[in-house]
Amino acid sequence: MAQQAITTVLRSRGIDVPAGVARAIAGCDDVNKLRRWLAKAATATTAAEVVARSRRKR
């Protein structure tokens, strides 16, 4: 369900979701990661930005 929400948010914002990104989202079952991605989907400028690995602060 969260996977669908992420792609819905992106598409409703007019952001294209390439097949590779859609597969990454659909294939994810990590609830915490999906929550982070959903939050990112609200402000991201590209779909790839949502699933990109973020650098951890040291």
Protein backbone atom coordinates (compact mmCIF):
# COMPACT_ATOMS: atom_id res chain seq x y z
CA MET A 1 0.00 0.00 0.00
CA ALA A 2 2.79 2.48 0.84
CA GLN A 3 4.44 1.65 -2.47
CA GLN A 4 1.33 2.75 -4.33
CA ALA A 5 1.06 5.91 -2.21
CA ILE A 6 4.59 6.95 -3.16
CA THR A 7 4.00 6.60 -6.89
CA THR A 8 0.58 8.27 -6.56
CA VAL A 9 2.09 11.29 -4.81
CA LEU A 10 4.81 11.62 -7.43
CA ARG A 11 2.45 11.27 -10.37
CA SER A 12 -0.11 13.65 -8.86
CA ARG A 13 2.67 16.22 -8.62
CA GLY A 14 3.39 15.73 -12.33
CA ILE A 15 6.63 13.82 -11.77
CA ASP A 16 7.39 10.98 -14.16
CA VAL A 17 8.17 7.66 -12.49
CA PRO A 18 10.56 5.70 -14.72
CA ALA A 19 10.21 1.91 -14.81
CA GLY A 20 13.40 1.34 -12.80
CA VAL A 21 12.27 3.62 -10.00
CA ALA A 22 8.79 2.10 -10.03
CA ARG A 23 10.36 -1.38 -9.68
CA ALA A 24 12.53 -0.21 -6.77
CA ILE A 25 9.51 1.22 -4.98
CA ALA A 26 7.28 -1.78 -5.69
CA GLY A 27 9.98 -4.21 -4.59
CA CYS A 28 10.67 -2.54 -1.26
CA ASP A 29 9.20 -4.13 1.87
CA ASP A 30 11.11 -2.08 4.47
CA VAL A 31 8.41 -0.06 6.24
CA ASN A 32 10.83 2.56 7.58
CA LYS A 33 12.38 3.11 4.16
CA LEU A 34 8.94 3.38 2.57
CA ARG A 35 7.96 6.02 5.15
CA ARG A 36 11.10 8.03 4.33
CA TRP A 37 10.42 7.69 0.61
CA LEU A 38 6.82 8.81 1.03
CA ALA A 39 7.97 11.94 2.88
CA LYS A 40 10.57 12.61 0.16
CA ALA A 41 7.93 12.14 -2.56
CA ALA A 42 6.11 15.19 -1.21
CA THR A 43 9.02 17.52 -1.99
CA ALA A 44 11.27 15.74 -4.51
CA THR A 45 11.81 17.19 -7.96
CA THR A 46 12.44 13.78 -9.57
CA ALA A 47 11.38 10.22 -8.79
CA ALA A 48 15.03 9.15 -8.70
CA GLU A 49 15.62 11.64 -5.88
CA VAL A 50 13.09 9.75 -3.75
CA VAL A 51 14.90 6.41 -3.89
CA ALA A 52 18.44 7.79 -3.96
CA ARG A 53 20.55 6.75 -1.01
CA SER A 54 21.17 9.65 1.29
CA ARG A 55 24.52 10.18 2.94
CA ARG A 56 24.52 9.63 6.66
CA LYS A 57 25.75 12.50 8.78
CA ARG A 58 28.90 11.76 10.73
